[in-house]
C-alpha atoms as a PDB file:
ATOM      1  CA  UNK A   1     100.020 129.030  95.376  1.00  0.00           C
ATOM      2  CA  UNK A   2      97.550 126.919  93.407  1.00  0.00           C
ATOM      3  CA  UNK A   3      97.647 123.168  93.855  1.00  0.00           C
ATOM      4  CA  UNK A   4      96.446 121.273  90.800  1.00  0.00           C
ATOM      5  CA  UNK A   5      95.446 117.675  91.316  1.00  0.00           C
ATOM      6  CA  UNK A   6      93.882 115.020  89.167  1.00  0.00           C
ATOM      7  CA  UNK A   7      91.209 112.492  89.901  1.00  0.00           C
ATOM      8  CA  UNK A   8      90.660 109.602  87.541  1.00  0.00           C
ATOM      9  CA  UNK A   9      87.115 108.298  87.147  1.00  0.00           C
ATOM     10  CA  UNK A  10      84.935 106.282  84.851  1.00  0.00           C
ATOM     11  CA  UNK A  11      86.516 104.123  82.157  1.00  0.00           C
ATOM     12  CA  UNK A  12      89.926 105.670  82.830  1.00  0.00           C
ATOM     13  CA  UNK A  13      89.823 104.075  86.281  1.00  0.00           C
ATOM     14  CA  UNK A  14      88.141 100.783  85.458  1.00  0.00           C
ATOM     15  CA  UNK A  15      86.061  99.625  82.530  1.00  0.00           C
ATOM     16  CA  UNK A  16      83.565  96.833  82.245  1.00  0.00           C
ATOM     17  CA  UNK A  17      82.363  94.648  79.435  1.00  0.00           C
ATOM     18  CA  UNK A  18      79.079  96.253  78.315  1.00  0.00           C
ATOM     19  CA  UNK A  19      77.415  92.850  78.173  1.00  0.00           C
ATOM     20  CA  UNK A  20      77.280  92.818  81.986  1.00  0.00           C
ATOM     21  CA  UNK A  21      75.499  96.208  82.139  1.00  0.00           C
ATOM     22  CA  UNK A  22      77.497  97.563  85.063  1.00  0.00           C
ATOM     23  CA  UNK A  23      79.130 100.667  83.572  1.00  0.00           C
ATOM     24  CA  UNK A  24      76.510 103.295  84.430  1.00  0.00           C
ATOM     25  CA  UNK A  25      75.965 101.881  87.906  1.00  0.00           C
ATOM     26  CA  UNK A  26      79.686 101.910  88.654  1.00  0.00           C
ATOM     27  CA  UNK A  27      80.004 105.464  87.278  1.00  0.00           C
ATOM     28  CA  UNK A  28      77.181 106.576  89.590  1.00  0.00           C
ATOM     29  CA  UNK A  29      78.868 104.887  92.563  1.00  0.00           C
ATOM     30  CA  UNK A  30      82.145 106.631  91.714  1.00  0.00           C
ATOM     31  CA  UNK A  31      80.388 110.016  91.440  1.00  0.00           C
ATOM     32  CA  UNK A  32      78.695 109.502  94.792  1.00  0.00           C
ATOM     33  CA  UNK A  33      81.999 108.568  96.445  1.00  0.00           C
ATOM     34  CA  UNK A  34      83.669 111.639  94.954  1.00  0.00           C
ATOM     35  CA  UNK A  35      80.841 113.832  96.272  1.00  0.00           C
ATOM     36  CA  UNK A  36      81.214 112.367  99.777  1.00  0.00           C
ATOM     37  CA  UNK A  37      84.996 112.718  99.715  1.00  0.00           C
ATOM     38  CA  UNK A  38      84.849 116.326  98.485  1.00  0.00           C
ATOM     39  CA  UNK A  39      82.395 117.172 101.251  1.00  0.00           C
ATOM     40  CA  UNK A  40      84.674 115.592 103.851  1.00  0.00           C
ATOM     41  CA  UNK A  41      87.684 117.400 102.382  1.00  0.00           C
ATOM     42  CA  UNK A  42      85.902 120.778 102.583  1.00  0.00           C
ATOM     43  CA  UNK A  43      85.169 120.252 106.264  1.00  0.00           C
ATOM     44  CA  UNK A  44      88.529 118.735 107.222  1.00  0.00           C
ATOM     45  CA  UNK A  45      91.318 119.042 104.698  1.00  0.00           C
ATOM     46  CA  UNK A  46      93.587 115.994 104.704  1.00  0.00           C
ATOM     47  CA  UNK A  47      96.717 115.091 102.743  1.00  0.00           C
ATOM     48  CA  UNK A  48      96.661 112.405 100.045  1.00  0.00           C
ATOM     49  CA  UNK A  49      93.081 113.251  99.109  1.00  0.00           C
ATOM     50  CA  UNK A  50      93.316 111.789  95.603  1.00  0.00           C
ATOM     51  CA  UNK A  51      94.790 108.509  96.822  1.00  0.00           C
ATOM     52  CA  UNK A  52      92.064 108.135  99.435  1.00  0.00           C
ATOM     53  CA  UNK A  53      89.336 108.805  96.859  1.00  0.00           C
ATOM     54  CA  UNK A  54      90.752 106.196  94.470  1.00  0.00           C
ATOM     55  CA  UNK A  55      91.100 103.677  97.290  1.00  0.00           C
ATOM     56  CA  UNK A  56      87.463 104.180  98.344  1.00  0.00           C
ATOM     57  CA  UNK A  57      86.324 103.840  94.732  1.00  0.00           C
ATOM     58  CA  UNK A  58      88.300 100.638  94.326  1.00  0.00           C
ATOM     59  CA  UNK A  59      86.763  99.163  97.466  1.00  0.00           C
ATOM     60  CA  UNK A  60      83.264 100.110  96.315  1.00  0.00           C
ATOM     61  CA  UNK A  61      83.484  98.745  92.773  1.00  0.00           C
ATOM     62  CA  UNK A  62      85.576  95.645  93.434  1.00  0.00           C
ATOM     63  CA  UNK A  63      82.501  93.366  93.849  1.00  0.00           C
ATOM     64  CA  UNK A  64      81.177  94.438  90.435  1.00  0.00           C
ATOM     65  CA  UNK A  65      84.605  93.886  88.879  1.00  0.00           C
ATOM     66  CA  UNK A  66      84.853  90.352  90.276  1.00  0.00           C
ATOM     67  CA  UNK A  67      81.298  89.477  89.233  1.00  0.00           C
ATOM     68  CA  UNK A  68      82.043  90.383  85.622  1.00  0.00           C
ATOM     69  CA  UNK A  69      85.475  88.734  85.727  1.00  0.00           C
ATOM     70  CA  UNK A  70      84.182  85.481  87.185  1.00  0.00           C
ATOM     71  CA  UNK A  71      81.424  85.409  84.560  1.00  0.00           C
ATOM     72  CA  UNK A  72      84.129  85.365  81.871  1.00  0.00           C
ATOM     73  CA  UNK A  73      85.572  82.145  83.314  1.00  0.00           C
ATOM     74  CA  UNK A  74      82.826  80.200  81.561  1.00  0.00           C
ATOM     75  CA  UNK A  75      84.600  80.732  78.222  1.00  0.00           C
ATOM     76  CA  UNK A  76      87.183  78.230  77.027  1.00  0.00           C
ATOM     77  CA  UNK A  77      90.711  79.561  77.266  1.00  0.00           C
ATOM     78  CA  UNK A  78      90.004  82.068  80.072  1.00  0.00           C
ATOM     79  CA  UNK A  79      91.896  81.297  83.257  1.00  0.00           C
ATOM     80  CA  UNK A  80      91.870  82.945  86.663  1.00  0.00           C
ATOM     81  CA  UNK A  81      95.545  83.896  86.315  1.00  0.00           C
ATOM     82  CA  UNK A  82      94.724  86.000  83.259  1.00  0.00           C
ATOM     83  CA  UNK A  83      91.989  87.835  85.172  1.00  0.00           C
ATOM     84  CA  UNK A  84      94.293  88.812  88.026  1.00  0.00           C
ATOM     85  CA  UNK A  85      97.097  90.253  85.862  1.00  0.00           C
END
């Protein structure tokens, strides 16, 4: 039996406004997390691998997301509610 799974990365997972220059850095962070998670999975296989990878990526890139989102608050008409939904 072959188990096919998917892992979403890059702009499919989260994209950034290019003006903030965070895209390549975040992509590198995501790749590093995937490498670590794959290594851990090879040594000790655990269920819900994909969910755990996405959760670790989210935790790692959340600061960059909030920095770019908060920067957008300087523009008229942008409100915090819009950023969180």
